[in-house]
């Protein structure tokens, strides 16, 4: 049984990394609490204690170790993740559409259309679909920005 345990754990870890969108970072978030809890449970099983269990208060150190493992092994809250996110860049409506499309101020409709098509080819979300959800979202946001800039310039002309 013991000799099959290591390969099974290795396959389970690789499968988790393969399926989890966070990859190895997701694995570290999974392993840390499990490892701390396992160490705390191991401490409960060993015969050596800081305070011997034969004393009336002997289980207090065991309880303290277990609570510390639970506290340090817990996952960060969603609020902490939200605080770490970068601020959103200013919307396309407040940016100059000429800068977004990369055309001069006096550009003709044909030049604007050609620049729009070139930018959309470059930033279309389907081009980065295989590179992950995060890059696809960035490409989507950029293509929306390009579309809004093109609509603003087209309505002026």
C-alpha atoms as a PDB file:
ATOM      1  CA  UNK A   1       0.000   0.000   0.000  1.00  0.00           C
ATOM      2  CA  UNK A   2       2.770   2.447   0.963  1.00  0.00           C
ATOM      3  CA  UNK A   3       4.673   2.073  -2.296  1.00  0.00           C
ATOM      4  CA  UNK A   4       1.578   3.037  -4.305  1.00  0.00           C
ATOM      5  CA  UNK A   5       0.809   6.098  -2.210  1.00  0.00           C
ATOM      6  CA  UNK A   6       3.616   8.329  -3.575  1.00  0.00           C
ATOM      7  CA  UNK A   7       2.768   7.804  -7.279  1.00  0.00           C
ATOM      8  CA  UNK A   8      -0.935   8.318  -6.582  1.00  0.00           C
ATOM      9  CA  UNK A   9      -0.214  11.581  -4.759  1.00  0.00           C
ATOM     10  CA  UNK A  10       2.109  12.703  -7.569  1.00  0.00           C
ATOM     11  CA  UNK A  11      -0.538  12.016 -10.204  1.00  0.00           C
ATOM     12  CA  UNK A  12      -3.191  13.790  -8.120  1.00  0.00           C
ATOM     13  CA  UNK A  13      -0.941  16.851  -7.732  1.00  0.00           C
ATOM     14  CA  UNK A  14      -0.156  17.005 -11.455  1.00  0.00           C
ATOM     15  CA  UNK A  15      -3.820  16.590 -12.344  1.00  0.00           C
ATOM     16  CA  UNK A  16      -4.779  19.385  -9.942  1.00  0.00           C
ATOM     17  CA  UNK A  17      -2.152  21.715 -11.426  1.00  0.00           C
ATOM     18  CA  UNK A  18      -3.272  20.846 -14.956  1.00  0.00           C
ATOM     19  CA  UNK A  19      -6.975  21.466 -14.293  1.00  0.00           C
ATOM     20  CA  UNK A  20      -6.671  24.467 -11.962  1.00  0.00           C
ATOM     21  CA  UNK A  21      -6.507  27.796 -13.833  1.00  0.00           C
ATOM     22  CA  UNK A  22      -4.048  29.142 -11.239  1.00  0.00           C
ATOM     23  CA  UNK A  23      -1.594  26.290 -11.867  1.00  0.00           C
ATOM     24  CA  UNK A  24       1.199  25.946  -9.295  1.00  0.00           C
ATOM     25  CA  UNK A  25       0.013  29.030  -7.379  1.00  0.00           C
ATOM     26  CA  UNK A  26      -3.306  27.280  -6.783  1.00  0.00           C
ATOM     27  CA  UNK A  27      -1.433  24.227  -5.535  1.00  0.00           C
ATOM     28  CA  UNK A  28       0.481  26.242  -2.950  1.00  0.00           C
ATOM     29  CA  UNK A  29      -2.807  27.667  -1.668  1.00  0.00           C
ATOM     30  CA  UNK A  30      -4.088  24.101  -1.337  1.00  0.00           C
ATOM     31  CA  UNK A  31      -0.976  22.525   0.187  1.00  0.00           C
ATOM     32  CA  UNK A  32      -0.183  25.142   2.858  1.00  0.00           C
ATOM     33  CA  UNK A  33      -3.271  24.572   5.044  1.00  0.00           C
ATOM     34  CA  UNK A  34      -3.085  20.801   4.636  1.00  0.00           C
ATOM     35  CA  UNK A  35       0.608  20.750   5.553  1.00  0.00           C
ATOM     36  CA  UNK A  36       0.117  22.932   8.634  1.00  0.00           C
ATOM     37  CA  UNK A  37      -2.800  20.814   9.814  1.00  0.00           C
ATOM     38  CA  UNK A  38      -0.793  17.619   9.252  1.00  0.00           C
ATOM     39  CA  UNK A  39       2.097  19.017  11.297  1.00  0.00           C
ATOM     40  CA  UNK A  40      -0.279  19.994  14.099  1.00  0.00           C
ATOM     41  CA  UNK A  41      -1.840  16.530  14.119  1.00  0.00           C
ATOM     42  CA  UNK A  42       1.632  14.977  14.119  1.00  0.00           C
ATOM     43  CA  UNK A  43       2.523  17.096  17.153  1.00  0.00           C
ATOM     44  CA  UNK A  44      -0.575  15.763  18.905  1.00  0.00           C
ATOM     45  CA  UNK A  45       0.577  12.165  18.289  1.00  0.00           C
ATOM     46  CA  UNK A  46       4.233  12.399  19.356  1.00  0.00           C
ATOM     47  CA  UNK A  47       5.007  11.502  22.970  1.00  0.00           C
ATOM     48  CA  UNK A  48       7.028  14.668  23.630  1.00  0.00           C
ATOM     49  CA  UNK A  49       5.097  17.799  24.590  1.00  0.00           C
ATOM     50  CA  UNK A  50       5.947  21.280  25.743  1.00  0.00           C
ATOM     51  CA  UNK A  51       3.594  20.680  28.673  1.00  0.00           C
ATOM     52  CA  UNK A  52       3.143  16.961  29.482  1.00  0.00           C
ATOM     53  CA  UNK A  53      -0.389  15.668  28.887  1.00  0.00           C
ATOM     54  CA  UNK A  54      -0.402  14.071  32.352  1.00  0.00           C
ATOM     55  CA  UNK A  55      -0.818  17.499  33.942  1.00  0.00           C
ATOM     56  CA  UNK A  56      -4.355  18.925  34.131  1.00  0.00           C
ATOM     57  CA  UNK A  57      -3.409  21.715  31.720  1.00  0.00           C
ATOM     58  CA  UNK A  58      -1.363  19.444  29.451  1.00  0.00           C
ATOM     59  CA  UNK A  59      -3.772  19.588  26.536  1.00  0.00           C
ATOM     60  CA  UNK A  60      -3.579  23.395  26.353  1.00  0.00           C
ATOM     61  CA  UNK A  61      -0.345  23.385  24.343  1.00  0.00           C
ATOM     62  CA  UNK A  62      -1.849  20.814  21.968  1.00  0.00           C
ATOM     63  CA  UNK A  63      -4.910  22.981  21.533  1.00  0.00           C
ATOM     64  CA  UNK A  64      -2.736  26.079  21.010  1.00  0.00           C
ATOM     65  CA  UNK A  65      -0.696  24.327  18.294  1.00  0.00           C
ATOM     66  CA  UNK A  66      -3.858  23.109  16.556  1.00  0.00           C
ATOM     67  CA  UNK A  67      -5.471  26.572  16.653  1.00  0.00           C
ATOM     68  CA  UNK A  68      -2.267  28.183  15.358  1.00  0.00           C
ATOM     69  CA  UNK A  69      -2.193  25.730  12.432  1.00  0.00           C
ATOM     70  CA  UNK A  70      -5.808  26.522  11.609  1.00  0.00           C
ATOM     71  CA  UNK A  71      -5.201  30.285  11.890  1.00  0.00           C
ATOM     72  CA  UNK A  72      -2.071  30.365   9.727  1.00  0.00           C
ATOM     73  CA  UNK A  73      -3.414  27.811   7.264  1.00  0.00           C
ATOM     74  CA  UNK A  74      -6.653  29.614   6.499  1.00  0.00           C
ATOM     75  CA  UNK A  75      -7.249  31.094   3.073  1.00  0.00           C
ATOM     76  CA  UNK A  76      -7.117  34.869   2.640  1.00  0.00           C
ATOM     77  CA  UNK A  77     -10.514  36.468   2.442  1.00  0.00           C
ATOM     78  CA  UNK A  78     -12.052  37.797  -0.762  1.00  0.00           C
ATOM     79  CA  UNK A  79     -11.794  41.336   0.677  1.00  0.00           C
ATOM     80  CA  UNK A  80      -8.008  41.036   0.877  1.00  0.00           C
ATOM     81  CA  UNK A  81      -7.891  39.937  -2.766  1.00  0.00           C
ATOM     82  CA  UNK A  82     -10.072  42.883  -3.790  1.00  0.00           C
ATOM     83  CA  UNK A  83      -7.751  45.336  -2.013  1.00  0.00           C
ATOM     84  CA  UNK A  84      -4.728  43.977  -3.889  1.00  0.00           C
ATOM     85  CA  UNK A  85      -6.247  44.410  -7.350  1.00  0.00           C
ATOM     86  CA  UNK A  86      -4.886  47.190  -9.475  1.00  0.00           C
ATOM     87  CA  UNK A  87      -7.081  50.203 -10.096  1.00  0.00           C
ATOM     88  CA  UNK A  88      -9.028  50.160 -13.335  1.00  0.00           C
ATOM     89  CA  UNK A  89      -7.614  52.333 -16.091  1.00  0.00           C
ATOM     90  CA  UNK A  90      -9.648  55.259 -17.288  1.00  0.00           C
ATOM     91  CA  UNK A  91     -12.488  54.333 -19.637  1.00  0.00           C
ATOM     92  CA  UNK A  92     -12.212  54.686 -23.391  1.00  0.00           C
ATOM     93  CA  UNK A  93     -14.748  57.526 -23.412  1.00  0.00           C
ATOM     94  CA  UNK A  94     -12.269  59.797 -21.619  1.00  0.00           C
ATOM     95  CA  UNK A  95      -9.327  58.882 -23.897  1.00  0.00           C
ATOM     96  CA  UNK A  96      -8.710  60.359 -27.307  1.00  0.00           C
ATOM     97  CA  UNK A  97     -10.048  57.994 -29.994  1.00  0.00           C
ATOM     98  CA  UNK A  98      -7.281  59.074 -32.379  1.00  0.00           C
ATOM     99  CA  UNK A  99      -4.659  57.853 -29.897  1.00  0.00           C
ATOM    100  CA  UNK A 100      -6.494  54.573 -29.359  1.00  0.00           C
ATOM    101  CA  UNK A 101      -6.608  53.819 -33.095  1.00  0.00           C
ATOM    102  CA  UNK A 102      -3.208  55.359 -33.786  1.00  0.00           C
ATOM    103  CA  UNK A 103      -4.355  57.776 -36.483  1.00  0.00           C
ATOM    104  CA  UNK A 104      -3.699  61.474 -37.012  1.00  0.00           C
ATOM    105  CA  UNK A 105      -6.383  64.050 -36.213  1.00  0.00           C
ATOM    106  CA  UNK A 106      -7.059  64.850 -39.876  1.00  0.00           C
ATOM    107  CA  UNK A 107      -7.245  61.204 -40.987  1.00  0.00           C
ATOM    108  CA  UNK A 108      -9.751  60.215 -43.651  1.00  0.00           C
ATOM    109  CA  UNK A 109     -12.524  57.668 -43.091  1.00  0.00           C
ATOM    110  CA  UNK A 110     -10.536  55.107 -45.107  1.00  0.00           C
ATOM    111  CA  UNK A 111      -7.478  55.573 -42.876  1.00  0.00           C
ATOM    112  CA  UNK A 112      -9.627  55.329 -39.747  1.00  0.00           C
ATOM    113  CA  UNK A 113     -11.309  52.162 -41.014  1.00  0.00           C
ATOM    114  CA  UNK A 114      -7.964  50.607 -41.981  1.00  0.00           C
ATOM    115  CA  UNK A 115      -6.487  51.418 -38.548  1.00  0.00           C
ATOM    116  CA  UNK A 116      -9.617  50.025 -36.853  1.00  0.00           C
ATOM    117  CA  UNK A 117      -9.395  46.751 -38.780  1.00  0.00           C
ATOM    118  CA  UNK A 118      -5.677  46.417 -38.055  1.00  0.00           C
ATOM    119  CA  UNK A 119      -6.186  46.998 -34.310  1.00  0.00           C
ATOM    120  CA  UNK A 120      -9.117  44.575 -34.183  1.00  0.00           C
ATOM    121  CA  UNK A 121      -7.009  41.892 -35.886  1.00  0.00           C
ATOM    122  CA  UNK A 122      -4.343  42.466 -33.268  1.00  0.00           C
ATOM    123  CA  UNK A 123      -6.576  42.522 -30.169  1.00  0.00           C
ATOM    124  CA  UNK A 124      -9.495  40.259 -31.039  1.00  0.00           C
ATOM    125  CA  UNK A 125     -10.290  37.916 -28.099  1.00  0.00           C
ATOM    126  CA  UNK A 126     -10.461  34.848 -30.352  1.00  0.00           C
ATOM    127  CA  UNK A 127      -6.759  35.251 -31.198  1.00  0.00           C
ATOM    128  CA  UNK A 128      -5.778  34.673 -27.553  1.00  0.00           C
ATOM    129  CA  UNK A 129      -8.503  32.176 -26.648  1.00  0.00           C
ATOM    130  CA  UNK A 130      -5.977  29.393 -26.064  1.00  0.00           C
ATOM    131  CA  UNK A 131      -3.744  31.513 -23.814  1.00  0.00           C
ATOM    132  CA  UNK A 132      -6.081  31.628 -20.850  1.00  0.00           C
ATOM    133  CA  UNK A 133      -9.081  33.481 -19.516  1.00  0.00           C
ATOM    134  CA  UNK A 134      -7.113  36.429 -18.145  1.00  0.00           C
ATOM    135  CA  UNK A 135      -5.521  37.323 -21.486  1.00  0.00           C
ATOM    136  CA  UNK A 136      -8.817  36.793 -23.229  1.00  0.00           C
ATOM    137  CA  UNK A 137     -10.470  39.281 -20.849  1.00  0.00           C
ATOM    138  CA  UNK A 138      -7.706  41.845 -21.472  1.00  0.00           C
ATOM    139  CA  UNK A 139      -8.117  41.401 -25.237  1.00  0.00           C
ATOM    140  CA  UNK A 140     -11.886  41.754 -24.880  1.00  0.00           C
ATOM    141  CA  UNK A 141     -11.533  45.001 -22.933  1.00  0.00           C
ATOM    142  CA  UNK A 142      -9.072  46.354 -25.491  1.00  0.00           C
ATOM    143  CA  UNK A 143     -11.312  45.402 -28.427  1.00  0.00           C
ATOM    144  CA  UNK A 144     -14.286  47.116 -26.751  1.00  0.00           C
ATOM    145  CA  UNK A 145     -12.134  50.228 -26.319  1.00  0.00           C
ATOM    146  CA  UNK A 146     -11.121  50.107 -29.993  1.00  0.00           C
ATOM    147  CA  UNK A 147     -14.748  49.637 -31.069  1.00  0.00           C
ATOM    148  CA  UNK A 148     -15.894  52.620 -28.985  1.00  0.00           C
ATOM    149  CA  UNK A 149     -13.114  54.812 -30.407  1.00  0.00           C
ATOM    150  CA  UNK A 150     -14.031  53.774 -33.951  1.00  0.00           C
ATOM    151  CA  UNK A 151     -17.715  54.503 -33.332  1.00  0.00           C
ATOM    152  CA  UNK A 152     -16.876  57.955 -31.956  1.00  0.00           C
ATOM    153  CA  UNK A 153     -14.673  58.828 -34.951  1.00  0.00           C
ATOM    154  CA  UNK A 154     -17.168  57.412 -37.449  1.00  0.00           C
ATOM    155  CA  UNK A 155     -20.028  59.456 -35.991  1.00  0.00           C
ATOM    156  CA  UNK A 156     -17.944  62.661 -36.275  1.00  0.00           C
ATOM    157  CA  UNK A 157     -17.195  62.132 -39.965  1.00  0.00           C
END
